Amino acid sequence: WTKRRTGEGKRVFLMAPIHHHFEKLGWSEPKIVVRFWILAILMGLLSLLTLKLR
């Protein structure tokens, strides 16, 4: 994908799985876990809200 856009191949994520990508960026493990929890809660609430709208 990046090769077509920029002309050279570049990784989108530094490492897989995605939590290792954030560790390579310098984030601490507890910060990553809490951010993923927050994201999961927000996505859960969004799904419940869209379910109620139907």
PDB file of N, CA and C in Angstrom:
ATOM      1  N   TRP A   1       0.818  -1.189   0.000  1.00  0.00           N
ATOM      2  CA  TRP A   1       0.000   0.000   0.000  1.00  0.00           C
ATOM      3  C   TRP A   1       0.867   1.259   0.000  1.00  0.00           C
ATOM      4  N   THR A   2       1.890   1.289   0.838  1.00  0.00           N
ATOM      5  CA  THR A   2       2.719   2.502   0.890  1.00  0.00           C
ATOM      6  C   THR A   2       3.596   2.634  -0.340  1.00  0.00           C
ATOM      7  N   LYS A   3       3.922   1.517  -0.980  1.00  0.00           N
ATOM      8  CA  LYS A   3       4.772   1.595  -2.167  1.00  0.00           C
ATOM      9  C   LYS A   3       4.053   2.322  -3.300  1.00  0.00           C
ATOM     10  N   ARG A   4       2.761   2.086  -3.438  1.00  0.00           N
ATOM     11  CA  ARG A   4       2.002   2.780  -4.480  1.00  0.00           C
ATOM     12  C   ARG A   4       1.830   4.262  -4.161  1.00  0.00           C
ATOM     13  N   ARG A   5       1.728   4.584  -2.893  1.00  0.00           N
ATOM     14  CA  ARG A   5       1.510   5.989  -2.512  1.00  0.00           C
ATOM     15  C   ARG A   5       2.784   6.818  -2.534  1.00  0.00           C
ATOM     16  N   THR A   6       3.878   6.258  -1.988  1.00  0.00           N
ATOM     17  CA  THR A   6       5.093   7.057  -1.833  1.00  0.00           C
ATOM     18  C   THR A   6       6.223   6.650  -2.762  1.00  0.00           C
ATOM     19  N   GLY A   7       6.096   5.502  -3.411  1.00  0.00           N
ATOM     20  CA  GLY A   7       7.151   5.050  -4.300  1.00  0.00           C
ATOM     21  C   GLY A   7       8.140   4.098  -3.648  1.00  0.00           C
ATOM     22  N   GLU A   8       8.088   3.977  -2.338  1.00  0.00           N
ATOM     23  CA  GLU A   8       8.960   3.020  -1.651  1.00  0.00           C
ATOM     24  C   GLU A   8       8.143   2.306  -0.577  1.00  0.00           C
ATOM     25  N   GLY A   9       8.474   1.060  -0.341  1.00  0.00           N
ATOM     26  CA  GLY A   9       7.736   0.292   0.648  1.00  0.00           C
ATOM     27  C   GLY A   9       8.101   0.699   2.056  1.00  0.00           C
ATOM     28  N   LYS A  10       7.121   0.920   2.890  1.00  0.00           N
ATOM     29  CA  LYS A  10       7.349   1.273   4.284  1.00  0.00           C
ATOM     30  C   LYS A  10       6.298   0.568   5.121  1.00  0.00           C
ATOM     31  N   ARG A  11       6.689   0.080   6.265  1.00  0.00           N
ATOM     32  CA  ARG A  11       5.746  -0.596   7.143  1.00  0.00           C
ATOM     33  C   ARG A  11       4.761   0.404   7.742  1.00  0.00           C
ATOM     34  N   VAL A  12       3.515  -0.024   7.839  1.00  0.00           N
ATOM     35  CA  VAL A  12       2.513   0.803   8.499  1.00  0.00           C
ATOM     36  C   VAL A  12       2.712   0.721  10.007  1.00  0.00           C
ATOM     37  N   PHE A  13       2.938  -0.501  10.507  1.00  0.00           N
ATOM     38  CA  PHE A  13       3.224  -0.724  11.923  1.00  0.00           C
ATOM     39  C   PHE A  13       4.650  -1.213  12.057  1.00  0.00           C
ATOM     40  N   LEU A  14       5.346  -0.789  13.101  1.00  0.00           N
ATOM     41  CA  LEU A  14       6.737  -1.171  13.301  1.00  0.00           C
ATOM     42  C   LEU A  14       6.893  -2.649  13.615  1.00  0.00           C
ATOM     43  N   MET A  15       5.877  -3.226  14.269  1.00  0.00           N
ATOM     44  CA  MET A  15       5.956  -4.619  14.676  1.00  0.00           C
ATOM     45  C   MET A  15       4.551  -5.129  14.930  1.00  0.00           C
ATOM     46  N   ALA A  16       4.328  -6.407  14.697  1.00  0.00           N
ATOM     47  CA  ALA A  16       3.036  -7.022  14.997  1.00  0.00           C
ATOM     48  C   ALA A  16       3.233  -7.931  16.203  1.00  0.00           C
ATOM     49  N   PRO A  17       2.247  -8.141  17.020  1.00  0.00           N
ATOM     50  CA  PRO A  17       0.933  -7.527  17.101  1.00  0.00           C
ATOM     51  C   PRO A  17       1.009  -6.036  17.450  1.00  0.00           C
ATOM     52  N   ILE A  18      -0.124  -5.386  17.334  1.00  0.00           N
ATOM     53  CA  ILE A  18      -0.147  -3.921  17.381  1.00  0.00           C
ATOM     54  C   ILE A  18       0.348  -3.354  18.716  1.00  0.00           C
ATOM     55  N   HIS A  19       0.173  -4.080  19.830  1.00  0.00           N
ATOM     56  CA  HIS A  19       0.654  -3.523  21.098  1.00  0.00           C
ATOM     57  C   HIS A  19       2.182  -3.429  21.118  1.00  0.00           C
ATOM     58  N   HIS A  20       2.880  -4.275  20.370  1.00  0.00           N
ATOM     59  CA  HIS A  20       4.335  -4.162  20.281  1.00  0.00           C
ATOM     60  C   HIS A  20       4.745  -2.920  19.480  1.00  0.00           C
ATOM     61  N   HIS A  21       3.909  -2.528  18.532  1.00  0.00           N
ATOM     62  CA  HIS A  21       4.164  -1.299  17.770  1.00  0.00           C
ATOM     63  C   HIS A  21       4.230  -0.102  18.724  1.00  0.00           C
ATOM     64  N   PHE A  22       3.272  -0.046  19.646  1.00  0.00           N
ATOM     65  CA  PHE A  22       3.250   1.065  20.594  1.00  0.00           C
ATOM     66  C   PHE A  22       4.408   0.976  21.585  1.00  0.00           C
ATOM     67  N   GLU A  23       4.819  -0.244  21.952  1.00  0.00           N
ATOM     68  CA  GLU A  23       5.993  -0.376  22.820  1.00  0.00           C
ATOM     69  C   GLU A  23       7.244   0.141  22.121  1.00  0.00           C
ATOM     70  N   LYS A  24       7.359  -0.115  20.821  1.00  0.00           N
ATOM     71  CA  LYS A  24       8.514   0.391  20.074  1.00  0.00           C
ATOM     72  C   LYS A  24       8.496   1.913  19.978  1.00  0.00           C
ATOM     73  N   LEU A  25       7.302   2.512  20.036  1.00  0.00           N
ATOM     74  CA  LEU A  25       7.201   3.973  20.023  1.00  0.00           C
ATOM     75  C   LEU A  25       7.542   4.589  21.380  1.00  0.00           C
ATOM     76  N   GLY A  26       7.720   3.737  22.404  1.00  0.00           N
ATOM     77  CA  GLY A  26       8.124   4.239  23.711  1.00  0.00           C
ATOM     78  C   GLY A  26       7.016   4.299  24.745  1.00  0.00           C
ATOM     79  N   TRP A  27       5.845   3.770  24.428  1.00  0.00           N
ATOM     80  CA  TRP A  27       4.754   3.752  25.396  1.00  0.00           C
ATOM     81  C   TRP A  27       5.005   2.647  26.408  1.00  0.00           C
ATOM     82  N   SER A  28       4.624   2.875  27.649  1.00  0.00           N
ATOM     83  CA  SER A  28       4.748   1.829  28.659  1.00  0.00           C
ATOM     84  C   SER A  28       3.571   0.859  28.523  1.00  0.00           C
ATOM     85  N   GLU A  29       3.789  -0.366  29.001  1.00  0.00           N
ATOM     86  CA  GLU A  29       2.759  -1.393  28.861  1.00  0.00           C
ATOM     87  C   GLU A  29       1.449  -1.040  29.579  1.00  0.00           C
ATOM     88  N   PRO A  30       1.488  -0.527  30.828  1.00  0.00           N
ATOM     89  CA  PRO A  30       0.228  -0.157  31.479  1.00  0.00           C
ATOM     90  C   PRO A  30      -0.548   0.920  30.702  1.00  0.00           C
ATOM     91  N   LYS A  31       0.163   1.861  30.094  1.00  0.00           N
ATOM     92  CA  LYS A  31      -0.507   2.907  29.315  1.00  0.00           C
ATOM     93  C   LYS A  31      -1.218   2.295  28.108  1.00  0.00           C
ATOM     94  N   ILE A  32      -0.571   1.333  27.444  1.00  0.00           N
ATOM     95  CA  ILE A  32      -1.171   0.676  26.286  1.00  0.00           C
ATOM     96  C   ILE A  32      -2.428  -0.078  26.702  1.00  0.00           C
ATOM     97  N   VAL A  33      -2.345  -0.809  27.818  1.00  0.00           N
ATOM     98  CA  VAL A  33      -3.478  -1.604  28.285  1.00  0.00           C
ATOM     99  C   VAL A  33      -4.666  -0.706  28.613  1.00  0.00           C
ATOM    100  N   VAL A  34      -4.409   0.372  29.333  1.00  0.00           N
ATOM    101  CA  VAL A  34      -5.498   1.282  29.713  1.00  0.00           C
ATOM    102  C   VAL A  34      -6.111   1.934  28.484  1.00  0.00           C
ATOM    103  N   ARG A  35      -5.296   2.328  27.524  1.00  0.00           N
ATOM    104  CA  ARG A  35      -5.831   2.944  26.302  1.00  0.00           C
ATOM    105  C   ARG A  35      -6.678   1.954  25.516  1.00  0.00           C
ATOM    106  N   PHE A  36      -6.244   0.677  25.458  1.00  0.00           N
ATOM    107  CA  PHE A  36      -7.034  -0.335  24.769  1.00  0.00           C
ATOM    108  C   PHE A  36      -8.346  -0.591  25.504  1.00  0.00           C
ATOM    109  N   TRP A  37      -8.334  -0.561  26.841  1.00  0.00           N
ATOM    110  CA  TRP A  37      -9.570  -0.707  27.614  1.00  0.00           C
ATOM    111  C   TRP A  37     -10.535   0.430  27.288  1.00  0.00           C
ATOM    112  N   ILE A  38     -10.026   1.638  27.287  1.00  0.00           N
ATOM    113  CA  ILE A  38     -10.865   2.801  26.993  1.00  0.00           C
ATOM    114  C   ILE A  38     -11.461   2.678  25.596  1.00  0.00           C
ATOM    115  N   LEU A  39     -10.647   2.292  24.634  1.00  0.00           N
ATOM    116  CA  LEU A  39     -11.124   2.116  23.269  1.00  0.00           C
ATOM    117  C   LEU A  39     -12.188   1.029  23.186  1.00  0.00           C
ATOM    118  N   ALA A  40     -11.995  -0.072  23.906  1.00  0.00           N
ATOM    119  CA  ALA A  40     -12.966  -1.165  23.906  1.00  0.00           C
ATOM    120  C   ALA A  40     -14.294  -0.720  24.529  1.00  0.00           C
ATOM    121  N   ILE A  41     -14.223   0.039  25.608  1.00  0.00           N
ATOM    122  CA  ILE A  41     -15.445   0.537  26.252  1.00  0.00           C
ATOM    123  C   ILE A  41     -16.183   1.488  25.323  1.00  0.00           C
ATOM    124  N   LEU A  42     -15.461   2.398  24.681  1.00  0.00           N
ATOM    125  CA  LEU A  42     -16.096   3.343  23.763  1.00  0.00           C
ATOM    126  C   LEU A  42     -16.746   2.634  22.576  1.00  0.00           C
ATOM    127  N   MET A  43     -16.065   1.637  22.034  1.00  0.00           N
ATOM    128  CA  MET A  43     -16.630   0.876  20.904  1.00  0.00           C
ATOM    129  C   MET A  43     -17.852   0.075  21.343  1.00  0.00           C
ATOM    130  N   GLY A  44     -17.816  -0.460  22.567  1.00  0.00           N
ATOM    131  CA  GLY A  44     -18.973  -1.172  23.101  1.00  0.00           C
ATOM    132  C   GLY A  44     -20.172  -0.245  23.273  1.00  0.00           C
ATOM    133  N   LEU A  45     -19.925   0.944  23.801  1.00  0.00           N
ATOM    134  CA  LEU A  45     -21.010   1.919  23.962  1.00  0.00           C
ATOM    135  C   LEU A  45     -21.564   2.359  22.608  1.00  0.00           C
ATOM    136  N   LEU A  46     -20.685   2.557  21.648  1.00  0.00           N
ATOM    137  CA  LEU A  46     -21.118   2.930  20.311  1.00  0.00           C
ATOM    138  C   LEU A  46     -21.998   1.845  19.695  1.00  0.00           C
ATOM    139  N   SER A  47     -21.608   0.593  19.883  1.00  0.00           N
ATOM    140  CA  SER A  47     -22.410  -0.500  19.326  1.00  0.00           C
ATOM    141  C   SER A  47     -23.778  -0.575  20.002  1.00  0.00           C
ATOM    142  N   LEU A  48     -23.820  -0.348  21.316  1.00  0.00           N
ATOM    143  CA  LEU A  48     -25.108  -0.359  22.006  1.00  0.00           C
ATOM    144  C   LEU A  48     -25.992   0.807  21.563  1.00  0.00           C
ATOM    145  N   LEU A  49     -25.399   1.961  21.353  1.00  0.00           N
ATOM    146  CA  LEU A  49     -26.173   3.117  20.896  1.00  0.00           C
ATOM    147  C   LEU A  49     -26.736   2.890  19.501  1.00  0.00           C
ATOM    148  N   THR A  50     -25.948   2.319  18.622  1.00  0.00           N
ATOM    149  CA  THR A  50     -26.452   2.070  17.269  1.00  0.00           C
ATOM    150  C   THR A  50     -27.487   0.957  17.270  1.00  0.00           C
ATOM    151  N   LEU A  51     -27.383   0.029  18.203  1.00  0.00           N
ATOM    152  CA  LEU A  51     -28.388  -1.024  18.323  1.00  0.00           C
ATOM    153  C   LEU A  51     -29.717  -0.429  18.775  1.00  0.00           C
ATOM    154  N   LYS A  52     -29.669   0.520  19.704  1.00  0.00           N
ATOM    155  CA  LYS A  52     -30.883   1.174  20.202  1.00  0.00           C
ATOM    156  C   LYS A  52     -31.548   2.036  19.126  1.00  0.00           C
ATOM    157  N   LEU A  53     -30.754   2.558  18.179  1.00  0.00           N
ATOM    158  CA  LEU A  53     -31.311   3.426  17.145  1.00  0.00           C
ATOM    159  C   LEU A  53     -32.127   2.649  16.118  1.00  0.00           C
ATOM    160  N   ARG A  54     -31.872   1.359  16.001  1.00  0.00           N
ATOM    161  CA  ARG A  54     -32.613   0.555  15.028  1.00  0.00           C
ATOM    162  C   ARG A  54     -33.975   0.383  15.503  1.00  0.00           C
TER     163      ARG A  54
END
